[in-house]
């Protein structure tokens, strides 16, 4: 089993209220879920009207297919009319379910290929990494 994660910022031009922001965020979430069966949530920048930090997850068995799906999603996000794609980061990893004692193996060069590097990146961005044995592992 492989898990693909995409974190991205949407820059929402012209949003003057949370209602304006919510309209764009819900539209993007619904479209990505419908078109790609992805789990999507707003995960940060909640207090900012013009920025939405989003997280997306896909589960599958084929790394190449997951990577291609992330590429298609990124292209779709670049073509949005209501928002502009900002910073993005992505990783594909295997949680090591066969051996519960093993550390998950990351398959993303941007994070140095290790769980420790991903956790450090998450901390640098102000995101708490999942605790061992918690719901996130």
C-alpha atoms as a PDB file:
ATOM      1  CA  UNK A   1       0.000   0.000   0.000  1.00  0.00           C
ATOM      2  CA  UNK A   2       1.246   3.466  -0.922  1.00  0.00           C
ATOM      3  CA  UNK A   3       0.030   6.850   0.271  1.00  0.00           C
ATOM      4  CA  UNK A   4       0.476   9.992  -1.829  1.00  0.00           C
ATOM      5  CA  UNK A   5       0.308  13.369  -0.097  1.00  0.00           C
ATOM      6  CA  UNK A   6       0.100  16.793  -1.698  1.00  0.00           C
ATOM      7  CA  UNK A   7       0.161  19.995   0.312  1.00  0.00           C
ATOM      8  CA  UNK A   8      -0.531  23.200  -1.574  1.00  0.00           C
ATOM      9  CA  UNK A   9      -1.462  26.826  -1.047  1.00  0.00           C
ATOM     10  CA  UNK A  10      -4.283  28.471  -2.944  1.00  0.00           C
ATOM     11  CA  UNK A  11      -3.941  32.228  -3.361  1.00  0.00           C
ATOM     12  CA  UNK A  12      -7.511  33.491  -3.550  1.00  0.00           C
ATOM     13  CA  UNK A  13      -7.530  36.865  -5.263  1.00  0.00           C
ATOM     14  CA  UNK A  14     -10.350  39.232  -4.404  1.00  0.00           C
ATOM     15  CA  UNK A  15     -11.646  37.350  -1.359  1.00  0.00           C
ATOM     16  CA  UNK A  16     -13.148  39.949   0.963  1.00  0.00           C
ATOM     17  CA  UNK A  17     -14.755  37.614   3.482  1.00  0.00           C
ATOM     18  CA  UNK A  18     -14.547  34.062   4.821  1.00  0.00           C
ATOM     19  CA  UNK A  19     -17.616  33.328   2.718  1.00  0.00           C
ATOM     20  CA  UNK A  20     -15.670  34.205  -0.458  1.00  0.00           C
ATOM     21  CA  UNK A  21     -12.758  32.008   0.647  1.00  0.00           C
ATOM     22  CA  UNK A  22     -15.055  29.143   1.661  1.00  0.00           C
ATOM     23  CA  UNK A  23     -16.774  29.186  -1.743  1.00  0.00           C
ATOM     24  CA  UNK A  24     -13.455  28.672  -3.548  1.00  0.00           C
ATOM     25  CA  UNK A  25     -12.147  26.074  -1.065  1.00  0.00           C
ATOM     26  CA  UNK A  26     -15.335  23.992  -1.193  1.00  0.00           C
ATOM     27  CA  UNK A  27     -15.393  24.139  -4.983  1.00  0.00           C
ATOM     28  CA  UNK A  28     -11.782  22.894  -5.211  1.00  0.00           C
ATOM     29  CA  UNK A  29     -12.330  20.182  -2.578  1.00  0.00           C
ATOM     30  CA  UNK A  30     -15.480  18.878  -4.269  1.00  0.00           C
ATOM     31  CA  UNK A  31     -13.921  18.892  -7.731  1.00  0.00           C
ATOM     32  CA  UNK A  32     -10.743  17.056  -6.665  1.00  0.00           C
ATOM     33  CA  UNK A  33     -12.707  14.486  -4.685  1.00  0.00           C
ATOM     34  CA  UNK A  34     -15.155  13.892  -7.528  1.00  0.00           C
ATOM     35  CA  UNK A  35     -12.540  13.749 -10.312  1.00  0.00           C
ATOM     36  CA  UNK A  36      -9.734  11.865  -8.492  1.00  0.00           C
ATOM     37  CA  UNK A  37     -11.353  10.212  -5.433  1.00  0.00           C
ATOM     38  CA  UNK A  38      -8.906  12.141  -3.262  1.00  0.00           C
ATOM     39  CA  UNK A  39      -9.363  13.120   0.364  1.00  0.00           C
ATOM     40  CA  UNK A  40      -8.955  16.912   0.541  1.00  0.00           C
ATOM     41  CA  UNK A  41      -9.031  19.270   3.522  1.00  0.00           C
ATOM     42  CA  UNK A  42      -8.087  22.813   4.427  1.00  0.00           C
ATOM     43  CA  UNK A  43      -5.213  22.291   6.865  1.00  0.00           C
ATOM     44  CA  UNK A  44      -3.741  25.729   7.518  1.00  0.00           C
ATOM     45  CA  UNK A  45      -3.848  29.500   7.050  1.00  0.00           C
ATOM     46  CA  UNK A  46      -7.380  29.380   8.427  1.00  0.00           C
ATOM     47  CA  UNK A  47      -7.269  32.984   9.632  1.00  0.00           C
ATOM     48  CA  UNK A  48      -6.138  34.406   6.284  1.00  0.00           C
ATOM     49  CA  UNK A  49      -8.795  35.483   3.777  1.00  0.00           C
ATOM     50  CA  UNK A  50      -6.652  35.292   0.641  1.00  0.00           C
ATOM     51  CA  UNK A  51      -4.724  32.056   1.317  1.00  0.00           C
ATOM     52  CA  UNK A  52      -5.918  28.498   1.887  1.00  0.00           C
ATOM     53  CA  UNK A  53      -3.386  25.790   2.783  1.00  0.00           C
ATOM     54  CA  UNK A  54      -4.792  22.488   1.563  1.00  0.00           C
ATOM     55  CA  UNK A  55      -3.838  18.861   2.075  1.00  0.00           C
ATOM     56  CA  UNK A  56      -4.708  16.021  -0.290  1.00  0.00           C
ATOM     57  CA  UNK A  57      -4.230  12.266   0.129  1.00  0.00           C
ATOM     58  CA  UNK A  58      -4.502   9.339  -2.271  1.00  0.00           C
ATOM     59  CA  UNK A  59      -4.067   5.634  -1.541  1.00  0.00           C
ATOM     60  CA  UNK A  60      -3.030   3.067  -4.115  1.00  0.00           C
ATOM     61  CA  UNK A  61      -0.749   0.224  -4.994  1.00  0.00           C
ATOM     62  CA  UNK A  62       1.147   1.669  -7.971  1.00  0.00           C
ATOM     63  CA  UNK A  63       3.658   4.459  -7.330  1.00  0.00           C
ATOM     64  CA  UNK A  64       3.755   5.521 -10.984  1.00  0.00           C
ATOM     65  CA  UNK A  65      -0.040   5.864 -11.147  1.00  0.00           C
ATOM     66  CA  UNK A  66      -0.098   7.902  -7.924  1.00  0.00           C
ATOM     67  CA  UNK A  67       2.667  10.207  -9.215  1.00  0.00           C
ATOM     68  CA  UNK A  68       0.804  10.721 -12.506  1.00  0.00           C
ATOM     69  CA  UNK A  69      -2.406  11.478 -10.611  1.00  0.00           C
ATOM     70  CA  UNK A  70      -0.578  14.071  -8.477  1.00  0.00           C
ATOM     71  CA  UNK A  71       0.781  15.598 -11.705  1.00  0.00           C
ATOM     72  CA  UNK A  72      -2.754  15.824 -13.174  1.00  0.00           C
ATOM     73  CA  UNK A  73      -4.085  17.359  -9.961  1.00  0.00           C
ATOM     74  CA  UNK A  74      -1.273  19.929  -9.913  1.00  0.00           C
ATOM     75  CA  UNK A  75      -1.983  20.851 -13.547  1.00  0.00           C
ATOM     76  CA  UNK A  76      -5.686  21.218 -12.725  1.00  0.00           C
ATOM     77  CA  UNK A  77      -4.843  23.475  -9.773  1.00  0.00           C
ATOM     78  CA  UNK A  78      -2.650  25.661 -12.002  1.00  0.00           C
ATOM     79  CA  UNK A  79      -5.604  26.244 -14.331  1.00  0.00           C
ATOM     80  CA  UNK A  80      -8.070  27.437 -11.671  1.00  0.00           C
ATOM     81  CA  UNK A  81      -9.901  30.684 -12.456  1.00  0.00           C
ATOM     82  CA  UNK A  82     -10.817  31.644  -8.889  1.00  0.00           C
ATOM     83  CA  UNK A  83      -7.398  31.020  -7.320  1.00  0.00           C
ATOM     84  CA  UNK A  84      -3.702  30.776  -8.099  1.00  0.00           C
ATOM     85  CA  UNK A  85      -1.555  27.826  -7.059  1.00  0.00           C
ATOM     86  CA  UNK A  86       1.116  28.832  -4.551  1.00  0.00           C
ATOM     87  CA  UNK A  87       3.702  26.648  -2.792  1.00  0.00           C
ATOM     88  CA  UNK A  88       3.350  22.889  -3.182  1.00  0.00           C
ATOM     89  CA  UNK A  89       5.038  19.858  -1.677  1.00  0.00           C
ATOM     90  CA  UNK A  90       4.386  16.197  -2.302  1.00  0.00           C
ATOM     91  CA  UNK A  91       5.513  12.782  -1.197  1.00  0.00           C
ATOM     92  CA  UNK A  92       4.639   9.167  -1.824  1.00  0.00           C
ATOM     93  CA  UNK A  93       5.400   6.677   0.908  1.00  0.00           C
ATOM     94  CA  UNK A  94       4.726   3.171   2.095  1.00  0.00           C
ATOM     95  CA  UNK A  95       3.659   2.936   5.729  1.00  0.00           C
ATOM     96  CA  UNK A  96       5.442  -0.434   6.222  1.00  0.00           C
ATOM     97  CA  UNK A  97       2.319  -2.295   7.334  1.00  0.00           C
ATOM     98  CA  UNK A  98       3.902  -5.743   6.929  1.00  0.00           C
ATOM     99  CA  UNK A  99       6.251  -5.097   9.843  1.00  0.00           C
ATOM    100  CA  UNK A 100       4.752  -2.779  12.493  1.00  0.00           C
ATOM    101  CA  UNK A 101       8.228  -2.211  13.968  1.00  0.00           C
ATOM    102  CA  UNK A 102       9.657  -0.873  10.703  1.00  0.00           C
ATOM    103  CA  UNK A 103       9.894   2.829   9.892  1.00  0.00           C
ATOM    104  CA  UNK A 104       7.801   3.955   6.904  1.00  0.00           C
ATOM    105  CA  UNK A 105       9.858   4.387   3.748  1.00  0.00           C
ATOM    106  CA  UNK A 106       9.471   7.698   1.934  1.00  0.00           C
ATOM    107  CA  UNK A 107       9.804   7.887  -1.816  1.00  0.00           C
ATOM    108  CA  UNK A 108      10.332  11.611  -2.263  1.00  0.00           C
ATOM    109  CA  UNK A 109      13.684  13.238  -2.907  1.00  0.00           C
ATOM    110  CA  UNK A 110      12.389  16.649  -1.814  1.00  0.00           C
ATOM    111  CA  UNK A 111      12.260  15.430   1.785  1.00  0.00           C
ATOM    112  CA  UNK A 112      15.585  13.613   1.772  1.00  0.00           C
ATOM    113  CA  UNK A 113      13.958  10.191   1.607  1.00  0.00           C
ATOM    114  CA  UNK A 114      13.455   9.727   5.360  1.00  0.00           C
ATOM    115  CA  UNK A 115      10.672  10.065   7.877  1.00  0.00           C
ATOM    116  CA  UNK A 116      12.925  12.201  10.090  1.00  0.00           C
ATOM    117  CA  UNK A 117      13.424  14.658   7.210  1.00  0.00           C
ATOM    118  CA  UNK A 118       9.670  14.819   6.576  1.00  0.00           C
ATOM    119  CA  UNK A 119       9.026  15.445  10.280  1.00  0.00           C
ATOM    120  CA  UNK A 120      11.639  18.217  10.282  1.00  0.00           C
ATOM    121  CA  UNK A 121      10.001  19.793   7.222  1.00  0.00           C
ATOM    122  CA  UNK A 122       6.594  19.632   8.899  1.00  0.00           C
ATOM    123  CA  UNK A 123       7.981  21.276  12.050  1.00  0.00           C
ATOM    124  CA  UNK A 124       9.632  24.009   9.956  1.00  0.00           C
ATOM    125  CA  UNK A 125       6.229  24.777   8.437  1.00  0.00           C
ATOM    126  CA  UNK A 126       4.569  24.864  11.852  1.00  0.00           C
ATOM    127  CA  UNK A 127       2.766  21.531  11.412  1.00  0.00           C
ATOM    128  CA  UNK A 128       2.913  18.918  14.157  1.00  0.00           C
ATOM    129  CA  UNK A 129       4.128  15.576  12.780  1.00  0.00           C
ATOM    130  CA  UNK A 130       2.116  12.478  13.730  1.00  0.00           C
ATOM    131  CA  UNK A 131       3.109  10.820  17.001  1.00  0.00           C
ATOM    132  CA  UNK A 132       4.326   7.236  16.956  1.00  0.00           C
ATOM    133  CA  UNK A 133       1.488   4.834  17.550  1.00  0.00           C
ATOM    134  CA  UNK A 134      -1.056   7.635  17.049  1.00  0.00           C
ATOM    135  CA  UNK A 135      -3.893   7.910  14.588  1.00  0.00           C
ATOM    136  CA  UNK A 136      -1.567   9.363  11.936  1.00  0.00           C
ATOM    137  CA  UNK A 137       0.677   6.307  11.711  1.00  0.00           C
END
